[in-house]
Amino acid sequence: MKTWNVMLVDHDKLFSAALGTLISGGPFRVCHHAANVDDAQSAIGQGVEPDLIVVALGEGAGEDVGGVKRLRGATGARIVVLADTIADRTLSLSLKAGADAYLNKSMSSESLLRALQLVMLGEVVYPTHVASLLIANANEHPTPERIQPANNELSKREVQILRCLLAGQSNKAIARNLHITESTVKMHFKNVMRKINAQNRTQAAVWAIQNGLSPLMSA
């Protein structure tokens, strides 16, 4: 079984210890506890190499979310934001900062472990009702016939790929939906990321929403 090293970032030592106990023993191994983002960055600079970083938001959520962006620039690890409550603004900021998931601390242990595993498999994870809000927001804007990113225009197929991403589909599901191979999906994703200057699927989804794309459930 593959094991992923996890760094926990939380000023609450009791919560951090409890979370560490919860996720340890399966495919995850806690390799470092950090009190805040600065400590996390320092540990990374000193050689700690986590595969996954879980950032628990405190009362100063805005500052913590800003720290997520700094972490994204310092490591290629997957980043999960764990919040007390689901706030649309904090969610949006987290996604734009490069977080790969936005989860609620009150979710069940089974759901949390499943979400963390999905994140490590390359998925973007956020609460179902929040996803619905994002989709509703996308549906309020008509899909433009021509999407013009920073450098090159997206092809019709690339737009379809992004719309499937908004529908929460995996690469395999997108391939099945569009009747193409999974390797072709990955090739299109690579081209899309380059054209819109996105570093991950999360940023691509945010870009798609901001540019009026709606989810594509079936081709």
N, C-alpha and C. Protein backbone atom coordinates (compact mmCIF):
# COMPACT_ATOMS: atom_id res chain seq x y z
N MET A 1 0.84 -1.21 0.00
CA MET A 1 0.00 0.00 0.00
C MET A 1 0.87 1.25 0.00
N LYS A 2 0.55 2.18 -0.87
CA LYS A 2 1.30 3.43 -0.93
C LYS A 2 1.02 4.26 0.31
N THR A 3 2.06 4.88 0.86
CA THR A 3 1.91 5.73 2.04
C THR A 3 2.25 7.17 1.69
N TRP A 4 1.39 8.10 2.11
CA TRP A 4 1.62 9.52 1.86
C TRP A 4 2.01 10.22 3.15
N ASN A 5 3.05 11.04 3.09
CA ASN A 5 3.47 11.83 4.24
C ASN A 5 2.62 13.09 4.36
N VAL A 6 2.13 13.35 5.56
CA VAL A 6 1.21 14.47 5.79
C VAL A 6 1.81 15.47 6.77
N MET A 7 1.70 16.74 6.43
CA MET A 7 2.04 17.82 7.35
C MET A 7 0.74 18.48 7.82
N LEU A 8 0.57 18.59 9.14
CA LEU A 8 -0.62 19.24 9.70
C LEU A 8 -0.24 20.64 10.16
N VAL A 9 -1.02 21.63 9.73
CA VAL A 9 -0.76 23.03 10.10
C VAL A 9 -1.94 23.54 10.90
N ASP A 10 -1.74 23.74 12.22
CA ASP A 10 -2.83 24.18 13.09
C ASP A 10 -2.26 24.71 14.39
N HIS A 11 -2.74 25.88 14.83
CA HIS A 11 -2.27 26.44 16.09
C HIS A 11 -2.84 25.69 17.29
N ASP A 12 -3.94 24.95 17.08
CA ASP A 12 -4.59 24.19 18.15
C ASP A 12 -3.91 22.82 18.25
N LYS A 13 -3.04 22.66 19.24
CA LYS A 13 -2.26 21.43 19.35
C LYS A 13 -3.14 20.22 19.64
N LEU A 14 -4.20 20.41 20.43
CA LEU A 14 -5.08 19.29 20.75
C LEU A 14 -5.80 18.79 19.50
N PHE A 15 -6.33 19.73 18.72
CA PHE A 15 -7.04 19.34 17.49
C PHE A 15 -6.06 18.68 16.52
N SER A 16 -4.88 19.25 16.41
CA SER A 16 -3.88 18.72 15.49
C SER A 16 -3.49 17.29 15.88
N ALA A 17 -3.33 17.06 17.19
CA ALA A 17 -2.97 15.73 17.66
C ALA A 17 -4.09 14.73 17.38
N ALA A 18 -5.34 15.17 17.62
CA ALA A 18 -6.49 14.30 17.38
C ALA A 18 -6.61 13.97 15.89
N LEU A 19 -6.41 14.98 15.05
CA LEU A 19 -6.48 14.77 13.60
C LEU A 19 -5.38 13.82 13.15
N GLY A 20 -4.20 13.99 13.72
CA GLY A 20 -3.09 13.12 13.37
C GLY A 20 -3.38 11.67 13.71
N THR A 21 -3.99 11.47 14.88
CA THR A 21 -4.36 10.11 15.29
C THR A 21 -5.41 9.53 14.37
N LEU A 22 -6.35 10.39 13.95
CA LEU A 22 -7.45 9.95 13.10
C LEU A 22 -6.96 9.45 11.74
N ILE A 23 -6.06 10.20 11.11
CA ILE A 23 -5.68 9.86 9.75
C ILE A 23 -4.50 8.91 9.66
N SER A 24 -3.81 8.68 10.79
CA SER A 24 -2.67 7.77 10.77
C SER A 24 -3.14 6.31 10.79
N GLY A 25 -2.30 5.44 10.32
CA GLY A 25 -2.61 4.02 10.36
C GLY A 25 -3.08 3.45 9.04
N GLY A 26 -3.52 4.32 8.13
CA GLY A 26 -3.94 3.87 6.80
C GLY A 26 -2.87 4.23 5.80
N PRO A 27 -3.28 4.86 4.69
CA PRO A 27 -2.29 5.26 3.69
C PRO A 27 -1.56 6.55 4.06
N PHE A 28 -1.94 7.17 5.18
CA PHE A 28 -1.34 8.45 5.57
C PHE A 28 -0.43 8.29 6.79
N ARG A 29 0.66 9.04 6.78
CA ARG A 29 1.58 9.07 7.92
C ARG A 29 1.94 10.52 8.21
N VAL A 30 1.63 10.97 9.43
CA VAL A 30 1.93 12.36 9.80
C VAL A 30 3.44 12.50 10.00
N CYS A 31 4.04 13.35 9.19
CA CYS A 31 5.49 13.53 9.26
C CYS A 31 5.90 14.80 9.98
N HIS A 32 4.92 15.73 10.16
CA HIS A 32 5.28 17.00 10.82
C HIS A 32 4.03 17.74 11.27
N HIS A 33 4.12 18.34 12.47
CA HIS A 33 3.08 19.24 12.97
C HIS A 33 3.64 20.65 12.95
N ALA A 34 2.91 21.60 12.36
CA ALA A 34 3.34 23.00 12.32
C ALA A 34 2.26 23.87 12.96
N ALA A 35 2.68 24.86 13.74
CA ALA A 35 1.72 25.72 14.43
C ALA A 35 1.06 26.70 13.48
N ASN A 36 1.76 27.08 12.42
CA ASN A 36 1.22 28.03 11.45
C ASN A 36 1.95 27.86 10.12
N VAL A 37 1.54 28.65 9.14
CA VAL A 37 2.12 28.54 7.81
C VAL A 37 3.60 28.87 7.80
N ASP A 38 4.01 29.86 8.59
CA ASP A 38 5.43 30.22 8.65
C ASP A 38 6.27 29.04 9.11
N ASP A 39 5.77 28.33 10.16
CA ASP A 39 6.49 27.15 10.65
C ASP A 39 6.53 26.07 9.57
N ALA A 40 5.42 25.94 8.83
CA ALA A 40 5.35 24.93 7.77
C ALA A 40 6.38 25.24 6.68
N GLN A 41 6.45 26.51 6.28
CA GLN A 41 7.42 26.90 5.25
C GLN A 41 8.85 26.67 5.71
N SER A 42 9.09 26.97 6.99
CA SER A 42 10.42 26.78 7.55
C SER A 42 10.81 25.30 7.53
N ALA A 43 9.85 24.44 7.90
CA ALA A 43 10.12 23.00 7.91
C ALA A 43 10.42 22.49 6.50
N ILE A 44 9.66 22.99 5.52
CA ILE A 44 9.89 22.60 4.13
C ILE A 44 11.27 23.05 3.68
N GLY A 45 11.62 24.26 4.09
CA GLY A 45 12.94 24.78 3.75
C GLY A 45 14.07 23.98 4.36
N GLN A 46 13.78 23.32 5.48
CA GLN A 46 14.79 22.52 6.18
C GLN A 46 14.80 21.05 5.72
N GLY A 47 13.95 20.74 4.75
CA GLY A 47 14.02 19.41 4.18
C GLY A 47 12.84 18.49 4.40
N VAL A 48 11.82 18.94 5.13
CA VAL A 48 10.62 18.12 5.30
C VAL A 48 9.89 18.07 3.96
N GLU A 49 9.53 16.89 3.50
CA GLU A 49 8.91 16.73 2.19
C GLU A 49 7.55 16.05 2.30
N PRO A 50 6.51 16.80 2.60
CA PRO A 50 5.17 16.20 2.70
C PRO A 50 4.56 15.96 1.32
N ASP A 51 3.73 14.94 1.23
CA ASP A 51 2.95 14.72 0.01
C ASP A 51 1.63 15.48 0.09
N LEU A 52 1.19 15.72 1.33
CA LEU A 52 -0.09 16.38 1.59
C LEU A 52 0.06 17.32 2.76
N ILE A 53 -0.47 18.54 2.62
CA ILE A 53 -0.48 19.51 3.71
C ILE A 53 -1.92 19.84 4.04
N VAL A 54 -2.31 19.66 5.31
CA VAL A 54 -3.66 20.00 5.76
C VAL A 54 -3.57 21.26 6.61
N VAL A 55 -4.19 22.33 6.13
CA VAL A 55 -4.16 23.61 6.82
C VAL A 55 -5.51 23.84 7.50
N ALA A 56 -5.52 23.85 8.83
CA ALA A 56 -6.75 24.11 9.57
C ALA A 56 -6.88 25.62 9.77
N LEU A 57 -7.97 26.18 9.26
CA LEU A 57 -8.17 27.63 9.37
C LEU A 57 -8.55 28.01 10.79
N GLY A 58 -7.95 29.09 11.27
CA GLY A 58 -8.30 29.62 12.59
C GLY A 58 -9.23 30.80 12.44
N GLU A 59 -9.32 31.62 13.49
CA GLU A 59 -10.21 32.79 13.45
C GLU A 59 -9.74 33.80 12.42
N GLY A 60 -8.42 33.94 12.27
CA GLY A 60 -7.91 34.86 11.26
C GLY A 60 -7.81 34.16 9.92
N ALA A 61 -8.94 33.74 9.38
CA ALA A 61 -8.97 32.91 8.18
C ALA A 61 -8.31 33.58 6.99
N GLY A 62 -8.49 34.89 6.88
CA GLY A 62 -7.92 35.61 5.75
C GLY A 62 -6.41 35.46 5.69
N GLU A 63 -5.77 35.59 6.85
CA GLU A 63 -4.32 35.44 6.90
C GLU A 63 -3.90 34.02 6.58
N ASP A 64 -4.67 33.05 7.12
CA ASP A 64 -4.36 31.64 6.86
C ASP A 64 -4.48 31.32 5.38
N VAL A 65 -5.52 31.85 4.72
CA VAL A 65 -5.71 31.59 3.31
C VAL A 65 -4.56 32.19 2.51
N GLY A 66 -4.10 33.37 2.91
CA GLY A 66 -2.94 33.96 2.26
C GLY A 66 -1.72 33.07 2.39
N GLY A 67 -1.65 32.35 3.51
CA GLY A 67 -0.55 31.43 3.73
C GLY A 67 -0.60 30.25 2.78
N VAL A 68 -1.80 29.87 2.37
CA VAL A 68 -1.95 28.76 1.43
C VAL A 68 -1.24 29.10 0.12
N LYS A 69 -1.36 30.34 -0.31
CA LYS A 69 -0.70 30.75 -1.56
C LYS A 69 0.81 30.66 -1.41
N ARG A 70 1.32 31.03 -0.24
CA ARG A 70 2.76 30.94 -0.01
C ARG A 70 3.22 29.48 0.00
N LEU A 71 2.42 28.62 0.60
CA LEU A 71 2.75 27.20 0.61
C LEU A 71 2.75 26.62 -0.81
N ARG A 72 1.76 27.05 -1.61
CA ARG A 72 1.69 26.55 -2.98
C ARG A 72 2.95 26.91 -3.75
N GLY A 73 3.51 28.07 -3.46
CA GLY A 73 4.73 28.47 -4.14
C GLY A 73 5.97 27.77 -3.62
N ALA A 74 5.85 27.16 -2.42
CA ALA A 74 7.03 26.55 -1.80
C ALA A 74 7.10 25.04 -1.98
N THR A 75 5.99 24.42 -2.38
CA THR A 75 5.99 22.96 -2.45
C THR A 75 5.01 22.46 -3.52
N GLY A 76 5.26 21.26 -4.00
CA GLY A 76 4.36 20.64 -4.96
C GLY A 76 3.37 19.71 -4.28
N ALA A 77 3.36 19.71 -2.94
CA ALA A 77 2.45 18.85 -2.19
C ALA A 77 1.00 19.25 -2.44
N ARG A 78 0.08 18.30 -2.31
CA ARG A 78 -1.34 18.61 -2.37
C ARG A 78 -1.70 19.37 -1.10
N ILE A 79 -2.60 20.35 -1.22
CA ILE A 79 -2.95 21.19 -0.07
C ILE A 79 -4.45 21.13 0.18
N VAL A 80 -4.82 20.83 1.43
CA VAL A 80 -6.22 20.77 1.83
C VAL A 80 -6.47 21.83 2.90
N VAL A 81 -7.53 22.61 2.72
CA VAL A 81 -7.95 23.59 3.72
C VAL A 81 -9.08 22.98 4.53
N LEU A 82 -8.93 23.01 5.85
CA LEU A 82 -9.92 22.44 6.76
C LEU A 82 -10.51 23.59 7.57
N ALA A 83 -11.81 23.87 7.40
CA ALA A 83 -12.42 25.05 8.00
C ALA A 83 -13.50 24.69 9.02
N ASP A 84 -13.71 25.61 9.98
CA ASP A 84 -14.78 25.41 10.97
C ASP A 84 -16.15 25.50 10.32
N THR A 85 -16.27 26.45 9.41
CA THR A 85 -17.54 26.65 8.70
C THR A 85 -17.25 26.82 7.22
N ILE A 86 -18.27 26.59 6.42
CA ILE A 86 -18.13 26.75 4.97
C ILE A 86 -18.54 28.16 4.59
N ALA A 87 -17.55 28.99 4.25
CA ALA A 87 -17.80 30.38 3.86
C ALA A 87 -17.42 30.54 2.39
N ASP A 88 -18.36 31.06 1.60
CA ASP A 88 -18.12 31.16 0.16
C ASP A 88 -16.86 31.97 -0.17
N ARG A 89 -16.67 33.09 0.56
CA ARG A 89 -15.53 33.95 0.25
C ARG A 89 -14.22 33.23 0.57
N THR A 90 -14.18 32.56 1.72
CA THR A 90 -12.97 31.83 2.09
C THR A 90 -12.71 30.68 1.13
N LEU A 91 -13.79 30.03 0.70
CA LEU A 91 -13.66 28.96 -0.29
C LEU A 91 -13.04 29.49 -1.57
N SER A 92 -13.57 30.59 -2.06
CA SER A 92 -13.08 31.18 -3.30
C SER A 92 -11.61 31.56 -3.18
N LEU A 93 -11.26 32.20 -2.05
CA LEU A 93 -9.88 32.61 -1.83
C LEU A 93 -8.96 31.40 -1.75
N SER A 94 -9.44 30.33 -1.11
CA SER A 94 -8.64 29.11 -0.97
C SER A 94 -8.35 28.49 -2.33
N LEU A 95 -9.39 28.43 -3.18
CA LEU A 95 -9.21 27.84 -4.50
C LEU A 95 -8.24 28.67 -5.34
N LYS A 96 -8.41 29.99 -5.27
CA LYS A 96 -7.53 30.87 -6.05
C LYS A 96 -6.10 30.80 -5.54
N ALA A 97 -5.94 30.50 -4.24
CA ALA A 97 -4.60 30.41 -3.66
C ALA A 97 -3.91 29.11 -4.03
N GLY A 98 -4.68 28.15 -4.61
CA GLY A 98 -4.07 26.91 -5.04
C GLY A 98 -4.40 25.69 -4.21
N ALA A 99 -5.39 25.82 -3.30
CA ALA A 99 -5.79 24.66 -2.50
C ALA A 99 -6.45 23.61 -3.39
N ASP A 100 -6.24 22.35 -3.04
CA ASP A 100 -6.81 21.25 -3.81
C ASP A 100 -8.12 20.75 -3.20
N ALA A 101 -8.44 21.22 -2.01
CA ALA A 101 -9.69 20.82 -1.36
C ALA A 101 -10.05 21.82 -0.28
N TYR A 102 -11.34 21.94 -0.02
CA TYR A 102 -11.86 22.81 1.04
C TYR A 102 -12.89 21.98 1.80
N LEU A 103 -12.55 21.58 3.02
CA LEU A 103 -13.38 20.65 3.77
C LEU A 103 -13.80 21.23 5.11
N ASN A 104 -14.91 20.69 5.65
CA ASN A 104 -15.45 21.14 6.92
C ASN A 104 -14.94 20.26 8.05
N LYS A 105 -14.50 20.87 9.14
CA LYS A 105 -13.99 20.11 10.28
C LYS A 105 -15.04 19.19 10.88
N SER A 106 -16.31 19.50 10.66
CA SER A 106 -17.38 18.72 11.28
C SER A 106 -17.74 17.46 10.48
N MET A 107 -17.12 17.25 9.33
CA MET A 107 -17.45 16.07 8.53
C MET A 107 -17.01 14.80 9.26
N SER A 108 -17.63 13.68 8.93
CA SER A 108 -17.31 12.42 9.60
C SER A 108 -15.88 11.98 9.26
N SER A 109 -15.32 11.16 10.14
CA SER A 109 -13.95 10.69 9.91
C SER A 109 -13.85 9.89 8.62
N GLU A 110 -14.89 9.09 8.33
CA GLU A 110 -14.88 8.30 7.10
C GLU A 110 -14.87 9.20 5.87
N SER A 111 -15.70 10.26 5.91
CA SER A 111 -15.77 11.18 4.77
C SER A 111 -14.46 11.94 4.60
N LEU A 112 -13.85 12.31 5.72
CA LEU A 112 -12.59 13.04 5.65
C LEU A 112 -11.50 12.18 5.02
N LEU A 113 -11.38 10.95 5.49
CA LEU A 113 -10.36 10.05 4.94
C LEU A 113 -10.58 9.79 3.46
N ARG A 114 -11.85 9.61 3.08
CA ARG A 114 -12.16 9.38 1.67
C ARG A 114 -11.81 10.61 0.84
N ALA A 115 -12.10 11.81 1.37
CA ALA A 115 -11.80 13.05 0.66
C ALA A 115 -10.29 13.22 0.48
N LEU A 116 -9.53 12.92 1.55
CA LEU A 116 -8.07 13.05 1.47
C LEU A 116 -7.49 12.09 0.44
N GLN A 117 -8.04 10.89 0.37
CA GLN A 117 -7.56 9.93 -0.62
C GLN A 117 -7.87 10.41 -2.04
N LEU A 118 -9.06 10.99 -2.23
CA LEU A 118 -9.41 11.53 -3.55
C LEU A 118 -8.45 12.64 -3.95
N VAL A 119 -8.12 13.49 -2.99
CA VAL A 119 -7.18 14.58 -3.26
C VAL A 119 -5.84 14.02 -3.73
N MET A 120 -5.36 12.96 -3.06
CA MET A 120 -4.08 12.38 -3.42
C MET A 120 -4.13 11.66 -4.76
N LEU A 121 -5.34 11.35 -5.23
CA LEU A 121 -5.50 10.73 -6.55
C LEU A 121 -5.68 11.78 -7.64
N GLY A 122 -5.55 13.05 -7.25
CA GLY A 122 -5.58 14.12 -8.24
C GLY A 122 -6.91 14.84 -8.38
N GLU A 123 -7.88 14.53 -7.50
CA GLU A 123 -9.19 15.16 -7.60
C GLU A 123 -9.24 16.48 -6.80
N VAL A 124 -10.15 17.33 -7.20
CA VAL A 124 -10.45 18.56 -6.46
C VAL A 124 -11.70 18.27 -5.64
N VAL A 125 -11.65 18.54 -4.33
CA VAL A 125 -12.75 18.17 -3.46
C VAL A 125 -13.26 19.37 -2.68
N TYR A 126 -14.56 19.60 -2.73
CA TYR A 126 -15.19 20.58 -1.85
C TYR A 126 -16.62 20.13 -1.59
N PRO A 127 -17.27 20.65 -0.53
CA PRO A 127 -18.59 20.16 -0.13
C PRO A 127 -19.61 20.21 -1.25
N THR A 128 -20.50 19.23 -1.26
CA THR A 128 -21.49 19.10 -2.33
C THR A 128 -22.33 20.35 -2.50
N HIS A 129 -22.81 20.92 -1.38
CA HIS A 129 -23.69 22.09 -1.53
C HIS A 129 -22.91 23.31 -2.03
N VAL A 130 -21.62 23.36 -1.73
CA VAL A 130 -20.79 24.45 -2.25
C VAL A 130 -20.58 24.27 -3.75
N ALA A 131 -20.37 23.03 -4.16
CA ALA A 131 -20.23 22.74 -5.60
C ALA A 131 -21.49 23.18 -6.34
N SER A 132 -22.65 22.94 -5.72
CA SER A 132 -23.91 23.33 -6.35
C SER A 132 -23.99 24.85 -6.51
N LEU A 133 -23.49 25.58 -5.49
CA LEU A 133 -23.49 27.04 -5.58
C LEU A 133 -22.60 27.51 -6.71
N LEU A 134 -21.42 26.88 -6.85
CA LEU A 134 -20.50 27.26 -7.92
C LEU A 134 -21.11 26.97 -9.27
N ILE A 135 -21.79 25.82 -9.38
CA ILE A 135 -22.42 25.45 -10.64
C ILE A 135 -23.55 26.41 -10.97
N ALA A 136 -24.34 26.79 -9.94
CA ALA A 136 -25.43 27.74 -10.16
C ALA A 136 -24.88 29.07 -10.63
N ASN A 137 -23.75 29.48 -10.04
CA ASN A 137 -23.12 30.73 -10.44
C ASN A 137 -22.67 30.66 -11.90
N ALA A 138 -22.14 29.51 -12.29
CA ALA A 138 -21.70 29.34 -13.67
C ALA A 138 -22.89 29.36 -14.62
N ASN A 139 -24.01 28.78 -14.20
CA ASN A 139 -25.17 28.70 -15.06
C ASN A 139 -25.84 30.07 -15.28
N GLU A 140 -25.55 31.02 -14.38
CA GLU A 140 -26.14 32.34 -14.53
C GLU A 140 -25.52 33.11 -15.68
N HIS A 141 -24.36 32.63 -16.15
CA HIS A 141 -23.67 33.33 -17.24
C HIS A 141 -23.72 32.47 -18.50
N PRO A 142 -24.14 33.00 -19.61
CA PRO A 142 -24.17 32.23 -20.85
C PRO A 142 -22.76 31.84 -21.27
N THR A 143 -22.63 30.65 -21.84
CA THR A 143 -21.33 30.21 -22.32
C THR A 143 -20.95 30.96 -23.58
N PRO A 144 -19.85 31.70 -23.55
CA PRO A 144 -19.46 32.46 -24.74
C PRO A 144 -19.03 31.53 -25.86
N GLU A 145 -19.25 31.95 -27.08
CA GLU A 145 -18.87 31.11 -28.20
C GLU A 145 -17.36 31.01 -28.33
N ARG A 146 -16.69 32.09 -27.98
CA ARG A 146 -15.24 32.09 -28.10
C ARG A 146 -14.64 32.52 -26.77
N ILE A 147 -13.87 31.62 -26.15
CA ILE A 147 -13.19 31.92 -24.91
C ILE A 147 -11.78 32.36 -25.24
N GLN A 148 -11.39 33.51 -24.74
CA GLN A 148 -10.07 34.03 -25.07
C GLN A 148 -9.21 34.12 -23.82
N PRO A 149 -8.36 33.10 -23.57
CA PRO A 149 -7.43 33.14 -22.46
C PRO A 149 -6.28 34.08 -22.75
N ALA A 150 -5.30 34.06 -21.85
CA ALA A 150 -4.22 35.03 -21.93
C ALA A 150 -3.48 35.00 -23.27
N ASN A 151 -3.19 33.80 -23.77
CA ASN A 151 -2.34 33.73 -24.95
C ASN A 151 -3.06 33.17 -26.18
N ASN A 152 -3.58 31.96 -26.07
CA ASN A 152 -4.17 31.30 -27.22
C ASN A 152 -5.64 30.97 -26.97
N GLU A 153 -6.40 30.94 -28.03
CA GLU A 153 -7.82 30.62 -27.91
C GLU A 153 -8.01 29.14 -27.62
N LEU A 154 -8.97 28.83 -26.75
CA LEU A 154 -9.27 27.43 -26.45
C LEU A 154 -10.06 26.81 -27.59
N SER A 155 -9.79 25.56 -27.86
CA SER A 155 -10.55 24.84 -28.88
C SER A 155 -11.89 24.41 -28.29
N LYS A 156 -12.79 23.98 -29.16
CA LYS A 156 -14.09 23.50 -28.73
C LYS A 156 -13.93 22.33 -27.76
N ARG A 157 -13.01 21.41 -28.06
CA ARG A 157 -12.78 20.24 -27.21
C ARG A 157 -12.23 20.66 -25.86
N GLU A 158 -11.35 21.65 -25.84
CA GLU A 158 -10.78 22.11 -24.57
C GLU A 158 -11.84 22.75 -23.69
N VAL A 159 -12.76 23.47 -24.30
CA VAL A 159 -13.89 24.05 -23.55
C VAL A 159 -14.75 22.93 -22.97
N GLN A 160 -14.97 21.87 -23.75
CA GLN A 160 -15.74 20.73 -23.25
C GLN A 160 -15.04 20.08 -22.05
N ILE A 161 -13.73 19.97 -22.13
CA ILE A 161 -12.95 19.39 -21.03
C ILE A 161 -13.16 20.19 -19.75
N LEU A 162 -13.09 21.52 -19.86
CA LEU A 162 -13.27 22.38 -18.70
C LEU A 162 -14.69 22.26 -18.14
N ARG A 163 -15.66 22.17 -19.02
CA ARG A 163 -17.06 22.05 -18.56
C ARG A 163 -17.28 20.71 -17.86
N CYS A 164 -16.63 19.66 -18.33
CA CYS A 164 -16.71 18.36 -17.65
C CYS A 164 -16.04 18.44 -16.28
N LEU A 165 -14.94 19.19 -16.21
CA LEU A 165 -14.26 19.38 -14.93
C LEU A 165 -15.19 20.05 -13.92
N LEU A 166 -15.93 21.05 -14.38
CA LEU A 166 -16.89 21.73 -13.50
C LEU A 166 -17.99 20.79 -13.01
N ALA A 167 -18.27 19.77 -13.79
CA ALA A 167 -19.29 18.79 -13.40
C ALA A 167 -18.73 17.76 -12.42
N GLY A 168 -17.44 17.93 -12.05
CA GLY A 168 -16.84 17.05 -11.08
C GLY A 168 -16.39 15.70 -11.62
N GLN A 169 -16.18 15.62 -12.93
CA GLN A 169 -15.84 14.33 -13.54
C GLN A 169 -14.33 14.06 -13.49
N SER A 170 -13.98 12.81 -13.27
CA SER A 170 -12.59 12.38 -13.31
C SER A 170 -12.14 12.27 -14.77
N ASN A 171 -10.84 12.08 -14.98
CA ASN A 171 -10.33 11.92 -16.35
C ASN A 171 -11.01 10.76 -17.06
N LYS A 172 -11.20 9.66 -16.32
CA LYS A 172 -11.84 8.48 -16.91
C LYS A 172 -13.27 8.79 -17.32
N ALA A 173 -14.00 9.52 -16.45
CA ALA A 173 -15.40 9.86 -16.75
C ALA A 173 -15.47 10.83 -17.94
N ILE A 174 -14.54 11.77 -18.00
CA ILE A 174 -14.50 12.71 -19.12
C ILE A 174 -14.26 11.97 -20.43
N ALA A 175 -13.32 11.02 -20.40
CA ALA A 175 -13.02 10.25 -21.61
C ALA A 175 -14.25 9.48 -22.08
N ARG A 176 -14.96 8.90 -21.12
CA ARG A 176 -16.17 8.14 -21.47
C ARG A 176 -17.25 9.07 -22.01
N ASN A 177 -17.39 10.22 -21.39
CA ASN A 177 -18.42 11.19 -21.78
C ASN A 177 -18.17 11.74 -23.18
N LEU A 178 -16.90 12.03 -23.49
CA LEU A 178 -16.57 12.66 -24.77
C LEU A 178 -16.15 11.64 -25.84
N HIS A 179 -16.17 10.37 -25.46
CA HIS A 179 -15.83 9.29 -26.41
C HIS A 179 -14.41 9.43 -26.95
N ILE A 180 -13.48 9.72 -26.03
CA ILE A 180 -12.07 9.80 -26.38
C ILE A 180 -11.29 8.99 -25.35
N THR A 181 -10.00 8.80 -25.57
CA THR A 181 -9.20 8.03 -24.64
C THR A 181 -8.78 8.90 -23.45
N GLU A 182 -8.44 8.23 -22.35
CA GLU A 182 -8.01 8.97 -21.16
C GLU A 182 -6.71 9.71 -21.42
N SER A 183 -5.84 9.14 -22.23
CA SER A 183 -4.58 9.81 -22.55
C SER A 183 -4.84 11.09 -23.35
N THR A 184 -5.87 11.07 -24.19
CA THR A 184 -6.24 12.27 -24.95
C THR A 184 -6.77 13.35 -24.02
N VAL A 185 -7.55 12.93 -23.01
CA VAL A 185 -8.04 13.88 -22.01
C VAL A 185 -6.87 14.56 -21.31
N LYS A 186 -5.88 13.77 -20.91
CA LYS A 186 -4.71 14.32 -20.22
C LYS A 186 -3.96 15.29 -21.12
N MET A 187 -3.88 14.98 -22.41
CA MET A 187 -3.20 15.87 -23.36
C MET A 187 -3.93 17.20 -23.45
N HIS A 188 -5.28 17.14 -23.55
CA HIS A 188 -6.07 18.36 -23.62
C HIS A 188 -5.91 19.18 -22.34
N PHE A 189 -5.91 18.51 -21.19
CA PHE A 189 -5.74 19.22 -19.92
C PHE A 189 -4.41 19.95 -19.89
N LYS A 190 -3.37 19.29 -20.37
CA LYS A 190 -2.05 19.91 -20.38
C LYS A 190 -2.07 21.17 -21.24
N ASN A 191 -2.72 21.11 -22.39
CA ASN A 191 -2.80 22.29 -23.27
C ASN A 191 -3.62 23.41 -22.63
N VAL A 192 -4.74 23.02 -21.99
CA VAL A 192 -5.60 24.02 -21.34
C VAL A 192 -4.85 24.73 -20.22
N MET A 193 -4.14 23.95 -19.39
CA MET A 193 -3.40 24.54 -18.28
C MET A 193 -2.39 25.57 -18.78
N ARG A 194 -1.74 25.24 -19.89
CA ARG A 194 -0.74 26.16 -20.45
C ARG A 194 -1.41 27.43 -20.96
N LYS A 195 -2.53 27.27 -21.65
CA LYS A 195 -3.19 28.42 -22.26
C LYS A 195 -3.78 29.39 -21.24
N ILE A 196 -4.32 28.85 -20.14
CA ILE A 196 -4.98 29.73 -19.16
C ILE A 196 -4.08 30.02 -17.96
N ASN A 197 -2.84 29.55 -18.04
CA ASN A 197 -1.86 29.79 -16.97
C ASN A 197 -2.32 29.23 -15.63
N ALA A 198 -2.90 28.04 -15.64
CA ALA A 198 -3.34 27.38 -14.41
C ALA A 198 -2.31 26.35 -13.99
N GLN A 199 -2.12 26.21 -12.67
CA GLN A 199 -1.14 25.26 -12.16
C GLN A 199 -1.77 23.93 -11.79
N ASN A 200 -3.09 23.90 -11.60
CA ASN A 200 -3.75 22.66 -11.23
C ASN A 200 -5.22 22.69 -11.64
N ARG A 201 -5.93 21.58 -11.39
CA ARG A 201 -7.32 21.47 -11.80
C ARG A 201 -8.21 22.47 -11.06
N THR A 202 -7.84 22.77 -9.82
CA THR A 202 -8.62 23.73 -9.04
C THR A 202 -8.61 25.10 -9.70
N GLN A 203 -7.42 25.56 -10.05
CA GLN A 203 -7.31 26.88 -10.69
C GLN A 203 -8.00 26.87 -12.05
N ALA A 204 -7.95 25.74 -12.75
CA ALA A 204 -8.64 25.64 -14.04
C ALA A 204 -10.15 25.76 -13.84
N ALA A 205 -10.68 25.13 -12.77
CA ALA A 205 -12.11 25.20 -12.49
C ALA A 205 -12.53 26.62 -12.13
N VAL A 206 -11.71 27.30 -11.33
CA VAL A 206 -12.00 28.69 -10.96
C VAL A 206 -12.01 29.57 -12.21
N TRP A 207 -11.02 29.37 -13.09
CA TRP A 207 -10.95 30.15 -14.34
C TRP A 207 -12.20 29.91 -15.18
N ALA A 208 -12.62 28.64 -15.26
CA ALA A 208 -13.80 28.30 -16.07
C ALA A 208 -15.05 29.00 -15.55
N ILE A 209 -15.21 29.00 -14.22
CA ILE A 209 -16.38 29.66 -13.62
C ILE A 209 -16.34 31.16 -13.88
N GLN A 210 -15.15 31.75 -13.68
CA GLN A 210 -15.03 33.20 -13.87
C GLN A 210 -15.26 33.61 -15.32
N ASN A 211 -15.08 32.67 -16.25
CA ASN A 211 -15.27 32.97 -17.66
C ASN A 211 -16.59 32.47 -18.22
N GLY A 212 -17.53 32.14 -17.29
CA GLY A 212 -18.91 31.88 -17.71
C GLY A 212 -19.20 30.50 -18.22
N LEU A 213 -18.29 29.55 -18.04
CA LEU A 213 -18.56 28.20 -18.50
C LEU A 213 -19.52 27.49 -17.55
N SER A 214 -20.37 26.63 -18.08
CA SER A 214 -21.30 25.85 -17.27
C SER A 214 -20.91 24.39 -17.29
N PRO A 215 -21.27 23.61 -16.26
CA PRO A 215 -20.91 22.20 -16.22
C PRO A 215 -21.51 21.42 -17.38
N LEU A 216 -20.78 20.46 -17.89
CA LEU A 216 -21.25 19.59 -18.97
C LEU A 216 -21.44 18.19 -18.39
N MET A 217 -22.69 17.78 -18.21
CA MET A 217 -22.96 16.49 -17.61
C MET A 217 -22.82 15.36 -18.64
N SER A 218 -23.24 15.63 -19.89
CA SER A 218 -23.10 14.62 -20.93
C SER A 218 -22.97 15.32 -22.27
N ALA A 219 -22.14 14.74 -23.13
CA ALA A 219 -21.87 15.37 -24.43
C ALA A 219 -23.01 15.08 -25.40
